[in-house]
C-alpha cells in the first residue's frame, strides 16, 4: 500500500502532491490494478491534511480513470501506468543509487543533489525536443 507524504517546501499544492504520488506508484508498479488506496481517514491521520484535500485528489484520480471509489468499501486502482519499461527500472535504480552515493561522497546535500538532477533532467528533455 502507498504511504503518502507531503513536502511543505515544494510549492506544490498538497492535493497535487497526492495525485503525483499515486501516478508515480502506478508507473513504478508499486500500485497495481485492484489495490486499495488508503482511506481518507488514514491519510488525514498520517499526514495531517484536510479530508477535503484528500477527497479532491481521489476525485481527480477517478476522473482520470485511474481509481474508482466503492462507497462504504474504499478507493481502488482500476488502471496502471506501468509498461514494458518496468523491467529496466531495476538496473537503472541500481545505477542511480551508485550516482547518489558518489554525489554524497562529493559533499552534496539532498537539496543540491535534487537541484543538480532536475536541472540536468530538464536540460536533457530540452535537447530531446530540439
N, C-alpha and C. Protein backbone atom coordinates (compact mmCIF):
# COMPACT_ATOMS: atom_id res chain seq x y z
N UNK A 1 0.85 -1.18 0.00
CA UNK A 1 0.00 0.00 0.00
C UNK A 1 0.89 1.25 0.00
N UNK A 2 0.44 2.26 -0.66
CA UNK A 2 1.17 3.51 -0.75
C UNK A 2 1.08 4.27 0.58
N UNK A 3 2.18 4.91 0.95
CA UNK A 3 2.20 5.77 2.13
C UNK A 3 2.50 7.19 1.66
N UNK A 4 1.54 8.06 1.82
CA UNK A 4 1.69 9.43 1.35
C UNK A 4 2.58 10.24 2.29
N UNK A 5 3.23 11.22 1.71
CA UNK A 5 4.00 12.21 2.47
C UNK A 5 3.84 13.55 1.77
N UNK A 6 3.97 14.61 2.53
CA UNK A 6 3.84 15.95 1.96
C UNK A 6 5.12 16.73 2.19
N UNK A 7 5.50 17.50 1.19
CA UNK A 7 6.66 18.38 1.28
C UNK A 7 6.13 19.81 1.29
N UNK A 8 6.10 20.41 2.47
CA UNK A 8 5.54 21.76 2.60
C UNK A 8 6.41 22.82 1.93
N UNK A 9 7.66 22.48 1.63
CA UNK A 9 8.56 23.45 0.99
C UNK A 9 8.54 23.37 -0.53
N UNK A 10 7.80 22.42 -1.09
CA UNK A 10 7.86 22.18 -2.53
C UNK A 10 7.16 23.24 -3.37
N UNK A 11 6.19 23.93 -2.77
CA UNK A 11 5.40 24.89 -3.55
C UNK A 11 4.30 24.22 -4.35
N UNK A 12 4.18 22.90 -4.25
CA UNK A 12 3.14 22.15 -4.95
C UNK A 12 2.00 21.93 -3.97
N UNK A 13 0.78 22.16 -4.41
CA UNK A 13 -0.38 22.01 -3.52
C UNK A 13 -0.45 20.59 -2.97
N UNK A 14 -0.92 20.45 -1.74
CA UNK A 14 -0.99 19.11 -1.13
C UNK A 14 -1.81 18.11 -1.95
N UNK A 15 -2.94 18.55 -2.50
CA UNK A 15 -3.75 17.60 -3.27
C UNK A 15 -2.98 17.11 -4.50
N UNK A 16 -2.24 18.01 -5.15
CA UNK A 16 -1.48 17.62 -6.33
C UNK A 16 -0.32 16.71 -5.95
N UNK A 17 0.27 16.91 -4.79
CA UNK A 17 1.33 16.00 -4.32
C UNK A 17 0.78 14.59 -4.19
N UNK A 18 -0.43 14.45 -3.63
CA UNK A 18 -1.05 13.13 -3.50
C UNK A 18 -1.30 12.50 -4.87
N UNK A 19 -1.84 13.29 -5.79
CA UNK A 19 -2.11 12.79 -7.15
C UNK A 19 -0.81 12.32 -7.79
N UNK A 20 0.23 13.12 -7.69
CA UNK A 20 1.51 12.76 -8.30
C UNK A 20 2.10 11.50 -7.68
N UNK A 21 1.94 11.34 -6.37
CA UNK A 21 2.47 10.15 -5.71
C UNK A 21 1.75 8.89 -6.16
N UNK A 22 0.44 8.99 -6.37
CA UNK A 22 -0.30 7.83 -6.87
C UNK A 22 0.13 7.53 -8.30
N UNK A 23 0.23 8.54 -9.13
CA UNK A 23 0.66 8.31 -10.53
C UNK A 23 2.05 7.66 -10.55
N UNK A 24 2.95 8.16 -9.71
CA UNK A 24 4.31 7.61 -9.66
C UNK A 24 4.25 6.13 -9.23
N UNK A 25 3.47 5.84 -8.21
CA UNK A 25 3.34 4.45 -7.75
C UNK A 25 2.76 3.56 -8.83
N UNK A 26 1.85 4.09 -9.64
CA UNK A 26 1.28 3.33 -10.74
C UNK A 26 2.32 3.09 -11.84
N UNK A 27 3.15 4.08 -12.10
CA UNK A 27 4.20 3.94 -13.12
C UNK A 27 5.26 2.93 -12.71
N UNK A 28 5.59 2.93 -11.42
CA UNK A 28 6.67 2.08 -10.93
C UNK A 28 6.20 0.68 -10.53
N UNK A 29 4.92 0.43 -10.66
CA UNK A 29 4.41 -0.89 -10.31
C UNK A 29 4.22 -1.10 -8.81
N UNK A 30 4.33 -0.03 -8.02
CA UNK A 30 4.10 -0.13 -6.58
C UNK A 30 2.62 -0.38 -6.32
N UNK A 31 1.78 0.29 -7.09
CA UNK A 31 0.33 0.07 -7.05
C UNK A 31 -0.07 -0.66 -8.32
N UNK A 32 -0.94 -1.63 -8.15
CA UNK A 32 -1.42 -2.41 -9.29
C UNK A 32 -2.94 -2.39 -9.32
N UNK A 33 -3.49 -2.77 -10.45
CA UNK A 33 -4.93 -2.83 -10.60
C UNK A 33 -5.54 -3.69 -9.49
N UNK A 34 -6.55 -3.15 -8.83
CA UNK A 34 -7.21 -3.85 -7.74
C UNK A 34 -6.73 -3.45 -6.36
N UNK A 35 -5.55 -2.83 -6.28
CA UNK A 35 -5.04 -2.38 -4.98
C UNK A 35 -5.93 -1.28 -4.41
N UNK A 36 -6.01 -1.24 -3.09
CA UNK A 36 -6.81 -0.22 -2.43
C UNK A 36 -5.91 0.92 -1.96
N UNK A 37 -6.38 2.15 -2.20
CA UNK A 37 -5.68 3.31 -1.66
C UNK A 37 -6.04 3.44 -0.18
N UNK A 38 -5.18 4.12 0.60
CA UNK A 38 -5.53 4.35 2.00
C UNK A 38 -6.85 5.13 2.08
N UNK A 39 -7.61 4.88 3.12
CA UNK A 39 -8.85 5.63 3.30
C UNK A 39 -8.52 7.09 3.57
N UNK A 40 -9.50 7.94 3.35
CA UNK A 40 -9.32 9.36 3.61
C UNK A 40 -8.91 9.54 5.07
N UNK A 41 -9.57 8.83 5.95
CA UNK A 41 -9.28 8.92 7.39
C UNK A 41 -7.82 8.54 7.68
N UNK A 42 -7.32 7.50 7.03
CA UNK A 42 -5.92 7.08 7.22
C UNK A 42 -4.94 8.14 6.73
N UNK A 43 -5.24 8.73 5.57
CA UNK A 43 -4.35 9.76 5.02
C UNK A 43 -4.36 10.99 5.93
N UNK A 44 -5.53 11.39 6.38
CA UNK A 44 -5.65 12.55 7.27
C UNK A 44 -4.83 12.32 8.54
N UNK A 45 -4.91 11.14 9.12
CA UNK A 45 -4.18 10.83 10.35
C UNK A 45 -2.67 10.79 10.10
N UNK A 46 -2.26 10.28 8.95
CA UNK A 46 -0.82 10.11 8.68
C UNK A 46 -0.13 11.42 8.33
N UNK A 47 -0.74 12.25 7.50
CA UNK A 47 -0.04 13.44 7.01
C UNK A 47 -0.66 14.75 7.49
N UNK A 48 -1.61 14.69 8.41
CA UNK A 48 -2.23 15.90 8.97
C UNK A 48 -2.69 16.84 7.86
N UNK A 49 -3.66 16.39 7.12
CA UNK A 49 -4.18 17.12 5.97
C UNK A 49 -5.70 17.19 6.07
N UNK A 50 -6.29 18.17 5.45
CA UNK A 50 -7.73 18.32 5.46
C UNK A 50 -8.37 17.19 4.64
N UNK A 51 -9.43 16.57 5.17
CA UNK A 51 -10.08 15.49 4.42
C UNK A 51 -10.54 15.90 3.02
N UNK A 52 -10.98 17.15 2.86
CA UNK A 52 -11.42 17.62 1.55
C UNK A 52 -10.28 17.62 0.54
N UNK A 53 -9.06 17.82 1.01
CA UNK A 53 -7.89 17.81 0.13
C UNK A 53 -7.67 16.40 -0.41
N UNK A 54 -7.80 15.41 0.47
CA UNK A 54 -7.64 14.02 0.05
C UNK A 54 -8.75 13.65 -0.93
N UNK A 55 -9.97 14.04 -0.60
CA UNK A 55 -11.11 13.76 -1.48
C UNK A 55 -10.90 14.39 -2.86
N UNK A 56 -10.37 15.60 -2.90
CA UNK A 56 -10.12 16.28 -4.17
C UNK A 56 -9.10 15.49 -4.99
N UNK A 57 -8.05 15.01 -4.35
CA UNK A 57 -7.03 14.22 -5.05
C UNK A 57 -7.63 12.93 -5.58
N UNK A 58 -8.40 12.24 -4.75
CA UNK A 58 -9.01 10.99 -5.17
C UNK A 58 -10.01 11.21 -6.30
N UNK A 59 -10.75 12.31 -6.24
CA UNK A 59 -11.70 12.62 -7.32
C UNK A 59 -10.96 12.85 -8.64
N UNK A 60 -9.83 13.57 -8.57
CA UNK A 60 -9.07 13.80 -9.80
C UNK A 60 -8.56 12.48 -10.38
N UNK A 61 -8.05 11.61 -9.52
CA UNK A 61 -7.57 10.31 -9.98
C UNK A 61 -8.72 9.48 -10.56
N UNK A 62 -9.89 9.63 -9.99
CA UNK A 62 -11.06 8.93 -10.50
C UNK A 62 -11.46 9.50 -11.86
N UNK A 63 -11.40 10.81 -11.99
CA UNK A 63 -11.71 11.48 -13.25
C UNK A 63 -10.76 11.02 -14.36
N UNK A 64 -9.51 10.75 -14.00
CA UNK A 64 -8.51 10.28 -14.96
C UNK A 64 -8.67 8.80 -15.27
N UNK A 65 -9.58 8.13 -14.57
CA UNK A 65 -9.82 6.71 -14.81
C UNK A 65 -8.79 5.80 -14.17
N UNK A 66 -8.05 6.32 -13.20
CA UNK A 66 -7.01 5.52 -12.55
C UNK A 66 -7.52 4.78 -11.33
N UNK A 67 -8.53 5.34 -10.68
CA UNK A 67 -9.12 4.71 -9.49
C UNK A 67 -10.64 4.79 -9.57
N UNK A 68 -11.28 3.99 -8.73
CA UNK A 68 -12.74 4.04 -8.62
C UNK A 68 -13.10 3.92 -7.15
N UNK A 69 -14.01 4.76 -6.72
CA UNK A 69 -14.49 4.72 -5.35
C UNK A 69 -15.63 3.72 -5.25
N UNK A 70 -15.60 2.91 -4.22
CA UNK A 70 -16.69 1.99 -3.91
C UNK A 70 -17.26 2.43 -2.57
N UNK A 71 -18.41 3.09 -2.59
CA UNK A 71 -18.98 3.63 -1.35
C UNK A 71 -19.04 2.59 -0.23
N UNK A 72 -18.52 2.99 0.91
CA UNK A 72 -18.52 2.11 2.08
C UNK A 72 -17.40 1.09 2.08
N UNK A 73 -16.65 0.99 0.99
CA UNK A 73 -15.59 -0.01 0.89
C UNK A 73 -14.22 0.66 0.78
N UNK A 74 -14.08 1.63 -0.12
CA UNK A 74 -12.81 2.30 -0.31
C UNK A 74 -12.59 2.71 -1.75
N UNK A 75 -11.36 3.14 -2.03
CA UNK A 75 -10.97 3.58 -3.37
C UNK A 75 -9.94 2.60 -3.91
N UNK A 76 -10.18 2.09 -5.12
CA UNK A 76 -9.35 1.03 -5.67
C UNK A 76 -8.77 1.43 -7.03
N UNK A 77 -7.57 0.94 -7.29
CA UNK A 77 -6.88 1.18 -8.55
C UNK A 77 -7.61 0.42 -9.65
N UNK A 78 -7.91 1.12 -10.74
CA UNK A 78 -8.59 0.48 -11.87
C UNK A 78 -7.70 0.36 -13.10
N UNK A 79 -6.58 1.09 -13.08
CA UNK A 79 -5.69 1.07 -14.25
C UNK A 79 -4.28 1.40 -13.79
N UNK A 80 -3.32 0.80 -14.41
CA UNK A 80 -1.93 1.07 -14.06
C UNK A 80 -1.28 1.95 -15.14
N UNK A 81 -0.17 2.54 -14.81
CA UNK A 81 0.57 3.34 -15.79
C UNK A 81 1.91 2.70 -16.15
N UNK A 82 2.20 1.53 -15.56
CA UNK A 82 3.46 0.86 -15.88
C UNK A 82 3.36 0.22 -17.25
N UNK A 83 4.51 0.01 -17.87
CA UNK A 83 4.54 -0.60 -19.20
C UNK A 83 5.73 -1.53 -19.29
N UNK A 84 6.09 -1.90 -20.48
CA UNK A 84 7.19 -2.84 -20.69
C UNK A 84 8.51 -2.31 -20.14
N UNK A 85 8.64 -0.99 -19.99
CA UNK A 85 9.89 -0.42 -19.49
C UNK A 85 10.12 -0.72 -18.01
N UNK A 86 9.11 -1.25 -17.33
CA UNK A 86 9.23 -1.56 -15.91
C UNK A 86 10.41 -2.50 -15.64
N UNK A 87 10.71 -3.39 -16.56
CA UNK A 87 11.83 -4.33 -16.40
C UNK A 87 13.17 -3.60 -16.33
N UNK A 88 13.26 -2.45 -16.96
CA UNK A 88 14.51 -1.69 -16.97
C UNK A 88 14.72 -0.91 -15.67
N UNK A 89 13.69 -0.81 -14.84
CA UNK A 89 13.80 0.01 -13.64
C UNK A 89 14.85 -0.49 -12.66
N UNK A 90 14.94 -1.80 -12.48
CA UNK A 90 15.89 -2.36 -11.51
C UNK A 90 17.32 -1.93 -11.79
N UNK A 91 17.85 -2.22 -12.98
CA UNK A 91 19.22 -1.81 -13.29
C UNK A 91 19.42 -0.29 -13.25
N UNK A 92 18.42 0.45 -13.71
CA UNK A 92 18.54 1.91 -13.68
C UNK A 92 18.54 2.43 -12.25
N UNK A 93 17.70 1.83 -11.41
CA UNK A 93 17.67 2.23 -10.00
C UNK A 93 19.03 1.96 -9.34
N UNK A 94 19.63 0.82 -9.68
CA UNK A 94 20.95 0.48 -9.14
C UNK A 94 21.99 1.53 -9.54
N UNK A 95 21.99 1.90 -10.81
CA UNK A 95 22.93 2.93 -11.29
C UNK A 95 22.67 4.28 -10.62
N UNK A 96 21.41 4.61 -10.43
CA UNK A 96 21.07 5.88 -9.80
C UNK A 96 21.52 5.89 -8.34
N UNK A 97 21.37 4.76 -7.64
CA UNK A 97 21.86 4.68 -6.25
C UNK A 97 23.37 4.88 -6.20
N UNK A 98 24.08 4.30 -7.16
CA UNK A 98 25.54 4.49 -7.21
C UNK A 98 25.87 5.97 -7.44
N UNK A 99 25.13 6.61 -8.35
CA UNK A 99 25.36 8.02 -8.63
C UNK A 99 25.08 8.86 -7.38
N UNK A 100 23.98 8.55 -6.67
CA UNK A 100 23.64 9.28 -5.45
C UNK A 100 24.75 9.14 -4.39
N UNK A 101 25.28 7.94 -4.26
CA UNK A 101 26.37 7.72 -3.31
C UNK A 101 27.59 8.56 -3.69
N UNK A 102 27.90 8.62 -4.99
CA UNK A 102 29.03 9.45 -5.44
C UNK A 102 28.77 10.93 -5.14
N UNK A 103 27.55 11.37 -5.36
CA UNK A 103 27.21 12.77 -5.11
C UNK A 103 27.36 13.09 -3.62
N UNK A 104 26.93 12.18 -2.77
CA UNK A 104 27.07 12.41 -1.32
C UNK A 104 28.53 12.40 -0.90
N UNK A 105 29.31 11.49 -1.48
CA UNK A 105 30.76 11.47 -1.16
C UNK A 105 31.43 12.76 -1.62
N UNK A 106 30.88 13.38 -2.66
CA UNK A 106 31.42 14.64 -3.16
C UNK A 106 30.99 15.82 -2.29
N UNK A 107 30.15 15.55 -1.28
CA UNK A 107 29.76 16.59 -0.35
C UNK A 107 28.43 17.27 -0.64
N UNK A 108 27.68 16.77 -1.60
CA UNK A 108 26.39 17.38 -1.92
C UNK A 108 25.33 16.95 -0.91
N UNK A 109 24.51 17.91 -0.47
CA UNK A 109 23.38 17.57 0.39
C UNK A 109 22.18 17.24 -0.49
N UNK A 110 21.09 16.82 0.14
CA UNK A 110 19.91 16.40 -0.63
C UNK A 110 19.38 17.49 -1.56
N UNK A 111 19.35 18.71 -1.06
CA UNK A 111 18.83 19.82 -1.88
C UNK A 111 19.71 20.06 -3.10
N UNK A 112 21.02 19.97 -2.92
CA UNK A 112 21.95 20.16 -4.04
C UNK A 112 21.84 19.02 -5.05
N UNK A 113 21.68 17.81 -4.54
CA UNK A 113 21.52 16.66 -5.43
C UNK A 113 20.25 16.81 -6.25
N UNK A 114 19.17 17.19 -5.60
CA UNK A 114 17.90 17.37 -6.30
C UNK A 114 18.01 18.46 -7.35
N UNK A 115 18.64 19.57 -7.00
CA UNK A 115 18.80 20.67 -7.95
C UNK A 115 19.63 20.23 -9.16
N UNK A 116 20.72 19.53 -8.91
CA UNK A 116 21.57 19.05 -9.99
C UNK A 116 20.81 18.09 -10.90
N UNK A 117 20.10 17.15 -10.29
CA UNK A 117 19.33 16.20 -11.08
C UNK A 117 18.27 16.89 -11.92
N UNK A 118 17.47 17.77 -11.29
CA UNK A 118 16.38 18.41 -12.01
C UNK A 118 16.86 19.30 -13.15
N UNK A 119 17.93 20.07 -12.92
CA UNK A 119 18.43 20.92 -14.00
C UNK A 119 18.99 20.07 -15.14
N UNK A 120 19.67 18.99 -14.80
CA UNK A 120 20.21 18.10 -15.83
C UNK A 120 19.09 17.40 -16.58
N UNK A 121 18.08 16.95 -15.83
CA UNK A 121 16.93 16.29 -16.43
C UNK A 121 16.21 17.22 -17.39
N UNK A 122 15.96 18.44 -16.94
CA UNK A 122 15.25 19.41 -17.79
C UNK A 122 16.08 19.78 -19.01
N UNK A 123 17.37 19.92 -18.84
CA UNK A 123 18.24 20.25 -19.99
C UNK A 123 18.22 19.09 -20.99
N UNK A 124 18.22 17.85 -20.49
CA UNK A 124 18.15 16.69 -21.38
C UNK A 124 16.85 16.62 -22.12
N UNK A 125 15.77 16.98 -21.45
CA UNK A 125 14.45 16.99 -22.09
C UNK A 125 14.40 18.05 -23.19
N UNK A 126 15.02 19.19 -22.95
CA UNK A 126 15.05 20.26 -23.97
C UNK A 126 15.88 19.81 -25.17
N UNK A 127 16.97 19.07 -24.93
CA UNK A 127 17.79 18.57 -26.03
C UNK A 127 17.02 17.57 -26.87
N UNK A 128 16.17 16.75 -26.21
CA UNK A 128 15.36 15.76 -26.93
C UNK A 128 14.37 16.46 -27.86
N UNK A 129 13.87 17.62 -27.46
CA UNK A 129 12.90 18.37 -28.26
C UNK A 129 13.58 19.02 -29.47
N UNK A 130 14.79 19.51 -29.25
CA UNK A 130 15.49 20.25 -30.29
C UNK A 130 15.94 19.38 -31.45
